[in-house]
C-alpha atoms as a PDB file:
ATOM      1  CA  UNK A   1       0.000   0.000   0.000  1.00  0.00           C
ATOM      2  CA  UNK A   2       1.295   3.443  -0.860  1.00  0.00           C
ATOM      3  CA  UNK A   3       0.194   5.155   2.369  1.00  0.00           C
ATOM      4  CA  UNK A   4       1.375   3.384   5.491  1.00  0.00           C
ATOM      5  CA  UNK A   5       0.811   4.493   9.059  1.00  0.00           C
ATOM      6  CA  UNK A   6       4.426   5.619   9.340  1.00  0.00           C
ATOM      7  CA  UNK A   7       4.041   7.816   6.252  1.00  0.00           C
ATOM      8  CA  UNK A   8       0.838   9.299   7.700  1.00  0.00           C
ATOM      9  CA  UNK A   9       2.609  10.026  10.984  1.00  0.00           C
ATOM     10  CA  UNK A  10       5.441  11.725   9.070  1.00  0.00           C
ATOM     11  CA  UNK A  11       2.952  13.937   7.239  1.00  0.00           C
ATOM     12  CA  UNK A  12       1.049  14.829  10.404  1.00  0.00           C
ATOM     13  CA  UNK A  13       4.278  15.459  12.313  1.00  0.00           C
ATOM     14  CA  UNK A  14       5.551  17.822   9.624  1.00  0.00           C
ATOM     15  CA  UNK A  15       2.325  19.732   8.953  1.00  0.00           C
ATOM     16  CA  UNK A  16       0.118  19.079  11.992  1.00  0.00           C
ATOM     17  CA  UNK A  17       0.602  19.992  15.605  1.00  0.00           C
ATOM     18  CA  UNK A  18       1.976  16.555  16.532  1.00  0.00           C
ATOM     19  CA  UNK A  19       2.420  13.136  14.938  1.00  0.00           C
ATOM     20  CA  UNK A  20      -0.874  11.904  16.407  1.00  0.00           C
ATOM     21  CA  UNK A  21      -2.880  15.026  15.533  1.00  0.00           C
ATOM     22  CA  UNK A  22      -4.811  13.892  12.476  1.00  0.00           C
ATOM     23  CA  UNK A  23      -7.551  16.474  12.869  1.00  0.00           C
ATOM     24  CA  UNK A  24      -5.640  19.647  12.094  1.00  0.00           C
ATOM     25  CA  UNK A  25      -6.575  21.315   8.834  1.00  0.00           C
ATOM     26  CA  UNK A  26      -2.967  21.632   7.675  1.00  0.00           C
ATOM     27  CA  UNK A  27      -2.323  17.927   8.270  1.00  0.00           C
ATOM     28  CA  UNK A  28      -5.418  16.914   6.348  1.00  0.00           C
ATOM     29  CA  UNK A  29      -4.528  19.199   3.437  1.00  0.00           C
ATOM     30  CA  UNK A  30      -1.029  17.700   3.312  1.00  0.00           C
ATOM     31  CA  UNK A  31      -2.458  14.178   3.415  1.00  0.00           C
ATOM     32  CA  UNK A  32      -4.892  14.976   0.586  1.00  0.00           C
ATOM     33  CA  UNK A  33      -2.028  16.473  -1.441  1.00  0.00           C
ATOM     34  CA  UNK A  34      -0.011  13.281  -1.023  1.00  0.00           C
ATOM     35  CA  UNK A  35      -2.966  11.151  -2.103  1.00  0.00           C
ATOM     36  CA  UNK A  36      -3.688  13.452  -5.066  1.00  0.00           C
ATOM     37  CA  UNK A  37      -0.115  13.180  -6.344  1.00  0.00           C
ATOM     38  CA  UNK A  38      -0.259   9.389  -6.036  1.00  0.00           C
ATOM     39  CA  UNK A  39      -3.555   9.160  -7.943  1.00  0.00           C
ATOM     40  CA  UNK A  40      -2.267  11.549 -10.615  1.00  0.00           C
ATOM     41  CA  UNK A  41       0.703   9.269 -11.269  1.00  0.00           C
ATOM     42  CA  UNK A  42      -1.643   6.277 -11.441  1.00  0.00           C
ATOM     43  CA  UNK A  43      -3.865   8.024 -13.972  1.00  0.00           C
ATOM     44  CA  UNK A  44      -0.883   8.886 -16.186  1.00  0.00           C
ATOM     45  CA  UNK A  45      -0.350   5.150 -16.652  1.00  0.00           C
ATOM     46  CA  UNK A  46      -4.021   4.071 -16.646  1.00  0.00           C
ATOM     47  CA  UNK A  47      -5.967   6.655 -18.616  1.00  0.00           C
ATOM     48  CA  UNK A  48      -9.268   4.782 -18.699  1.00  0.00           C
ATOM     49  CA  UNK A  49      -9.539   4.170 -14.969  1.00  0.00           C
ATOM     50  CA  UNK A  50     -12.635   6.287 -14.479  1.00  0.00           C
ATOM     51  CA  UNK A  51     -13.315   5.329 -10.870  1.00  0.00           C
ATOM     52  CA  UNK A  52      -9.871   6.588  -9.883  1.00  0.00           C
ATOM     53  CA  UNK A  53     -10.472   9.719 -11.920  1.00  0.00           C
ATOM     54  CA  UNK A  54     -13.716  10.360 -10.050  1.00  0.00           C
ATOM     55  CA  UNK A  55     -12.091   9.821  -6.661  1.00  0.00           C
ATOM     56  CA  UNK A  56      -9.258  12.168  -7.669  1.00  0.00           C
ATOM     57  CA  UNK A  57     -11.760  14.899  -8.524  1.00  0.00           C
ATOM     58  CA  UNK A  58     -13.537  14.376  -5.206  1.00  0.00           C
ATOM     59  CA  UNK A  59     -10.231  14.669  -3.326  1.00  0.00           C
ATOM     60  CA  UNK A  60      -9.287  17.844  -5.174  1.00  0.00           C
ATOM     61  CA  UNK A  61     -12.659  19.364  -4.271  1.00  0.00           C
ATOM     62  CA  UNK A  62     -12.314  18.334  -0.650  1.00  0.00           C
ATOM     63  CA  UNK A  63      -8.834  19.840  -0.438  1.00  0.00           C
ATOM     64  CA  UNK A  64     -10.150  23.033  -2.043  1.00  0.00           C
ATOM     65  CA  UNK A  65     -12.905  23.286   0.579  1.00  0.00           C
ATOM     66  CA  UNK A  66     -10.362  22.824   3.382  1.00  0.00           C
ATOM     67  CA  UNK A  67      -8.157  25.518   1.846  1.00  0.00           C
ATOM     68  CA  UNK A  68     -11.100  27.905   1.558  1.00  0.00           C
ATOM     69  CA  UNK A  69     -11.988  27.251   5.213  1.00  0.00           C
ATOM     70  CA  UNK A  70      -8.417  27.931   6.294  1.00  0.00           C
ATOM     71  CA  UNK A  71      -8.259  31.079   4.162  1.00  0.00           C
ATOM     72  CA  UNK A  72     -11.391  32.453   5.810  1.00  0.00           C
ATOM     73  CA  UNK A  73     -10.313  31.385   9.310  1.00  0.00           C
ATOM     74  CA  UNK A  74      -6.616  32.361   9.384  1.00  0.00           C
ATOM     75  CA  UNK A  75      -4.936  33.844   6.299  1.00  0.00           C
ATOM     76  CA  UNK A  76      -1.390  33.422   7.656  1.00  0.00           C
ATOM     77  CA  UNK A  77      -1.793  29.669   8.185  1.00  0.00           C
ATOM     78  CA  UNK A  78      -3.289  29.467   4.673  1.00  0.00           C
ATOM     79  CA  UNK A  79      -0.313  31.267   3.131  1.00  0.00           C
ATOM     80  CA  UNK A  80       2.188  29.092   4.975  1.00  0.00           C
ATOM     81  CA  UNK A  81       0.561  25.790   3.916  1.00  0.00           C
ATOM     82  CA  UNK A  82       0.304  26.989   0.307  1.00  0.00           C
ATOM     83  CA  UNK A  83       3.993  27.902   0.358  1.00  0.00           C
ATOM     84  CA  UNK A  84       5.111  24.625   1.969  1.00  0.00           C
ATOM     85  CA  UNK A  85       3.103  22.385  -0.378  1.00  0.00           C
ATOM     86  CA  UNK A  86       3.747  24.489  -3.518  1.00  0.00           C
ATOM     87  CA  UNK A  87       0.037  24.750  -4.291  1.00  0.00           C
ATOM     88  CA  UNK A  88      -1.589  27.353  -6.463  1.00  0.00           C
ATOM     89  CA  UNK A  89      -5.180  28.407  -6.794  1.00  0.00           C
END
């Protein structure tokens, strides 16, 4: 499996408040970004995998909603997560 518990803990430790804090918005955005990059690579090889394409679009929308929430809540945290993950709107 591409996303093990140790990889999740690394992501949450780097972007969240602690390695066990899976509820922070920054940690969830980072986790979604990791999953999105993995699914994008999968779709480059398997163009007709429409179920993966649909789940990728759902993840992108979910990440966008989290980013909008963070932007409205605290603009500085939004700018820092955008800068760290190299995201653009």
